[in-house]
Amino acid sequence: MINRTRIFISSAYEDDLKSPRKIIKDHLESSGHEVPIFETGVFGPWETDTLEQCLDEVRSSEVLILFINKKFGASPILMEGI
């Protein structure tokens, strides 16, 4: 039996990514891992500083899976200088 690992799945919110995110989440959970994702509401209500709240979730995970597609989430850090 492998050790239970907290694996955070991240991406911009896009319809094209809903299915792959769910497939990966279901597979990882059936393998015994903890996989919090935004769609399931496990984070509770989003606070005023959603970027910091998301970063806290990433920091509390051992693994990050990042899906990159057509969009990216806007943030003050990414938007500086644009």
N, C-alpha and C. Protein backbone atom coordinates (compact mmCIF):
# COMPACT_ATOMS: atom_id res chain seq x y z
N MET A 1 0.84 -1.18 0.00
CA MET A 1 0.00 0.00 0.00
C MET A 1 0.89 1.24 0.00
N ILE A 2 0.57 2.18 -0.87
CA ILE A 2 1.34 3.43 -0.91
C ILE A 2 0.84 4.38 0.17
N ASN A 3 1.67 5.34 0.52
CA ASN A 3 1.27 6.35 1.49
C ASN A 3 0.24 7.29 0.88
N ARG A 4 -0.70 7.71 1.68
CA ARG A 4 -1.70 8.68 1.24
C ARG A 4 -1.01 10.02 1.03
N THR A 5 -1.20 10.61 -0.13
CA THR A 5 -0.58 11.87 -0.49
C THR A 5 -1.66 12.89 -0.82
N ARG A 6 -1.46 14.14 -0.40
CA ARG A 6 -2.38 15.23 -0.77
C ARG A 6 -1.90 15.80 -2.10
N ILE A 7 -2.75 15.71 -3.12
CA ILE A 7 -2.40 16.11 -4.48
C ILE A 7 -3.38 17.19 -4.92
N PHE A 8 -2.88 18.38 -5.17
CA PHE A 8 -3.71 19.51 -5.58
C PHE A 8 -3.75 19.59 -7.09
N ILE A 9 -4.96 19.62 -7.67
CA ILE A 9 -5.12 19.77 -9.12
C ILE A 9 -5.52 21.21 -9.39
N SER A 10 -4.75 21.88 -10.24
CA SER A 10 -4.99 23.29 -10.51
C SER A 10 -5.10 23.54 -12.01
N SER A 11 -5.92 24.53 -12.35
CA SER A 11 -6.04 25.00 -13.73
C SER A 11 -6.92 26.23 -13.73
N ALA A 12 -6.95 26.92 -14.86
CA ALA A 12 -7.95 27.96 -15.04
C ALA A 12 -9.30 27.25 -15.15
N TYR A 13 -10.36 27.95 -14.80
CA TYR A 13 -11.69 27.33 -14.87
C TYR A 13 -12.16 27.34 -16.32
N GLU A 14 -12.07 26.18 -16.98
CA GLU A 14 -12.47 26.03 -18.38
C GLU A 14 -13.29 24.77 -18.54
N ASP A 15 -14.32 24.85 -19.36
CA ASP A 15 -15.15 23.67 -19.62
C ASP A 15 -14.33 22.51 -20.18
N ASP A 16 -13.35 22.81 -21.05
CA ASP A 16 -12.51 21.77 -21.66
C ASP A 16 -11.73 20.95 -20.63
N LEU A 17 -11.51 21.53 -19.45
CA LEU A 17 -10.68 20.85 -18.44
C LEU A 17 -11.50 20.12 -17.37
N LYS A 18 -12.81 20.30 -17.36
CA LYS A 18 -13.63 19.66 -16.32
C LYS A 18 -13.51 18.15 -16.35
N SER A 19 -13.63 17.56 -17.52
CA SER A 19 -13.57 16.10 -17.63
C SER A 19 -12.19 15.54 -17.26
N PRO A 20 -11.09 16.08 -17.82
CA PRO A 20 -9.78 15.54 -17.42
C PRO A 20 -9.49 15.70 -15.93
N ARG A 21 -9.92 16.83 -15.35
CA ARG A 21 -9.71 17.04 -13.91
C ARG A 21 -10.44 15.97 -13.11
N LYS A 22 -11.70 15.69 -13.49
CA LYS A 22 -12.48 14.69 -12.77
C LYS A 22 -11.89 13.29 -12.93
N ILE A 23 -11.47 12.95 -14.13
CA ILE A 23 -10.89 11.63 -14.39
C ILE A 23 -9.64 11.42 -13.53
N ILE A 24 -8.75 12.42 -13.53
CA ILE A 24 -7.51 12.32 -12.74
C ILE A 24 -7.84 12.25 -11.25
N LYS A 25 -8.75 13.12 -10.78
CA LYS A 25 -9.15 13.12 -9.37
C LYS A 25 -9.69 11.75 -8.96
N ASP A 26 -10.62 11.21 -9.75
CA ASP A 26 -11.22 9.91 -9.41
C ASP A 26 -10.18 8.80 -9.37
N HIS A 27 -9.26 8.81 -10.32
CA HIS A 27 -8.22 7.78 -10.36
C HIS A 27 -7.30 7.88 -9.14
N LEU A 28 -6.88 9.10 -8.83
CA LEU A 28 -5.99 9.29 -7.69
C LEU A 28 -6.67 8.93 -6.37
N GLU A 29 -7.94 9.31 -6.22
CA GLU A 29 -8.67 8.97 -4.99
C GLU A 29 -8.88 7.46 -4.88
N SER A 30 -9.14 6.79 -6.00
CA SER A 30 -9.30 5.34 -5.94
C SER A 30 -7.98 4.65 -5.61
N SER A 31 -6.87 5.37 -5.80
CA SER A 31 -5.55 4.85 -5.43
C SER A 31 -5.18 5.20 -4.00
N GLY A 32 -6.10 5.88 -3.29
CA GLY A 32 -5.88 6.17 -1.88
C GLY A 32 -5.37 7.55 -1.53
N HIS A 33 -5.34 8.46 -2.51
CA HIS A 33 -4.82 9.79 -2.25
C HIS A 33 -5.94 10.78 -1.92
N GLU A 34 -5.57 11.89 -1.28
CA GLU A 34 -6.49 12.99 -1.01
C GLU A 34 -6.32 14.00 -2.14
N VAL A 35 -7.43 14.33 -2.82
CA VAL A 35 -7.34 15.20 -4.00
C VAL A 35 -8.41 16.30 -3.91
N PRO A 36 -8.08 17.41 -3.25
CA PRO A 36 -9.04 18.52 -3.19
C PRO A 36 -9.06 19.27 -4.52
N ILE A 37 -10.26 19.56 -5.02
CA ILE A 37 -10.37 20.43 -6.20
C ILE A 37 -11.52 21.41 -5.96
N PHE A 38 -11.44 22.53 -6.61
CA PHE A 38 -12.38 23.63 -6.44
C PHE A 38 -13.83 23.19 -6.64
N GLU A 39 -14.10 22.37 -7.66
CA GLU A 39 -15.45 22.00 -8.04
C GLU A 39 -16.24 21.30 -6.93
N THR A 40 -15.54 20.63 -6.03
CA THR A 40 -16.24 19.87 -5.00
C THR A 40 -16.58 20.71 -3.77
N GLY A 41 -16.10 21.95 -3.73
CA GLY A 41 -16.41 22.84 -2.62
C GLY A 41 -15.70 22.50 -1.32
N VAL A 42 -14.62 21.71 -1.37
CA VAL A 42 -13.92 21.32 -0.16
C VAL A 42 -13.17 22.47 0.50
N PHE A 43 -13.00 23.58 -0.21
CA PHE A 43 -12.28 24.72 0.34
C PHE A 43 -13.19 25.63 1.16
N GLY A 44 -14.48 25.37 1.14
CA GLY A 44 -15.42 26.26 1.82
C GLY A 44 -15.61 27.52 0.99
N PRO A 45 -16.18 28.55 1.60
CA PRO A 45 -16.38 29.78 0.83
C PRO A 45 -15.04 30.46 0.53
N TRP A 46 -14.90 30.99 -0.66
CA TRP A 46 -13.67 31.70 -1.02
C TRP A 46 -13.64 33.04 -0.30
N GLU A 47 -12.49 33.35 0.23
CA GLU A 47 -12.30 34.58 0.98
C GLU A 47 -12.07 35.75 0.01
N THR A 48 -11.88 36.93 0.56
CA THR A 48 -11.62 38.12 -0.24
C THR A 48 -10.34 37.95 -1.05
N ASP A 49 -9.29 37.41 -0.43
CA ASP A 49 -8.01 37.21 -1.11
C ASP A 49 -7.94 35.78 -1.64
N THR A 50 -8.58 35.55 -2.79
CA THR A 50 -8.66 34.20 -3.34
C THR A 50 -7.29 33.68 -3.77
N LEU A 51 -6.41 34.56 -4.23
CA LEU A 51 -5.06 34.13 -4.62
C LEU A 51 -4.33 33.54 -3.42
N GLU A 52 -4.37 34.23 -2.28
CA GLU A 52 -3.68 33.74 -1.09
C GLU A 52 -4.32 32.45 -0.59
N GLN A 53 -5.64 32.36 -0.66
CA GLN A 53 -6.33 31.14 -0.23
C GLN A 53 -5.92 29.96 -1.12
N CYS A 54 -5.83 30.20 -2.41
CA CYS A 54 -5.40 29.13 -3.33
C CYS A 54 -3.96 28.72 -3.04
N LEU A 55 -3.10 29.70 -2.81
CA LEU A 55 -1.69 29.39 -2.49
C LEU A 55 -1.58 28.60 -1.19
N ASP A 56 -2.43 28.89 -0.21
CA ASP A 56 -2.45 28.11 1.03
C ASP A 56 -2.79 26.65 0.76
N GLU A 57 -3.75 26.42 -0.14
CA GLU A 57 -4.12 25.05 -0.51
C GLU A 57 -2.95 24.34 -1.19
N VAL A 58 -2.25 25.05 -2.06
CA VAL A 58 -1.08 24.47 -2.74
C VAL A 58 0.00 24.14 -1.72
N ARG A 59 0.26 25.06 -0.80
CA ARG A 59 1.30 24.83 0.21
C ARG A 59 0.99 23.63 1.10
N SER A 60 -0.28 23.35 1.32
CA SER A 60 -0.65 22.24 2.19
C SER A 60 -0.65 20.90 1.45
N SER A 61 -0.27 20.91 0.19
CA SER A 61 -0.24 19.68 -0.62
C SER A 61 1.19 19.23 -0.86
N GLU A 62 1.37 17.93 -1.06
CA GLU A 62 2.70 17.39 -1.37
C GLU A 62 2.98 17.41 -2.86
N VAL A 63 1.93 17.37 -3.68
CA VAL A 63 2.08 17.31 -5.14
C VAL A 63 1.11 18.31 -5.76
N LEU A 64 1.54 18.97 -6.82
CA LEU A 64 0.70 19.88 -7.59
C LEU A 64 0.63 19.38 -9.03
N ILE A 65 -0.60 19.19 -9.52
CA ILE A 65 -0.81 18.88 -10.94
C ILE A 65 -1.42 20.12 -11.56
N LEU A 66 -0.77 20.67 -12.58
CA LEU A 66 -1.24 21.89 -13.22
C LEU A 66 -1.63 21.59 -14.66
N PHE A 67 -2.90 21.84 -14.98
CA PHE A 67 -3.39 21.73 -16.35
C PHE A 67 -3.26 23.11 -17.00
N ILE A 68 -2.62 23.17 -18.15
CA ILE A 68 -2.48 24.41 -18.89
C ILE A 68 -3.20 24.25 -20.22
N ASN A 69 -4.08 25.20 -20.51
CA ASN A 69 -4.86 25.13 -21.74
C ASN A 69 -4.91 26.52 -22.37
N LYS A 70 -6.08 27.01 -22.68
CA LYS A 70 -6.23 28.27 -23.41
C LYS A 70 -6.19 29.51 -22.53
N LYS A 71 -6.58 29.40 -21.27
CA LYS A 71 -6.69 30.56 -20.40
C LYS A 71 -5.73 30.44 -19.22
N PHE A 72 -5.56 31.56 -18.53
CA PHE A 72 -4.88 31.52 -17.24
C PHE A 72 -5.67 32.40 -16.29
N GLY A 73 -5.56 32.10 -15.01
CA GLY A 73 -6.26 32.89 -14.02
C GLY A 73 -5.55 34.23 -13.83
N ALA A 74 -6.33 35.30 -13.85
CA ALA A 74 -5.75 36.63 -13.67
C ALA A 74 -5.38 36.83 -12.21
N SER A 75 -4.23 37.37 -11.97
CA SER A 75 -3.81 37.69 -10.61
C SER A 75 -2.95 38.93 -10.66
N PRO A 76 -2.87 39.65 -9.55
CA PRO A 76 -2.01 40.84 -9.54
C PRO A 76 -0.56 40.53 -9.90
N ILE A 77 -0.06 39.36 -9.50
CA ILE A 77 1.32 38.99 -9.77
C ILE A 77 1.53 38.80 -11.29
N LEU A 78 0.59 38.10 -11.92
CA LEU A 78 0.71 37.85 -13.36
C LEU A 78 0.43 39.09 -14.20
N MET A 79 -0.37 39.99 -13.67
CA MET A 79 -0.79 41.16 -14.44
C MET A 79 0.15 42.35 -14.30
N GLU A 80 1.14 42.28 -13.39
CA GLU A 80 2.08 43.39 -13.22
C GLU A 80 2.81 43.68 -14.53
N GLY A 81 2.86 44.95 -14.88
CA GLY A 81 3.60 45.35 -16.06
C GLY A 81 2.84 45.18 -17.37
N ILE A 82 1.60 44.70 -17.30
CA ILE A 82 0.82 44.52 -18.54
C ILE A 82 -0.01 45.74 -18.80
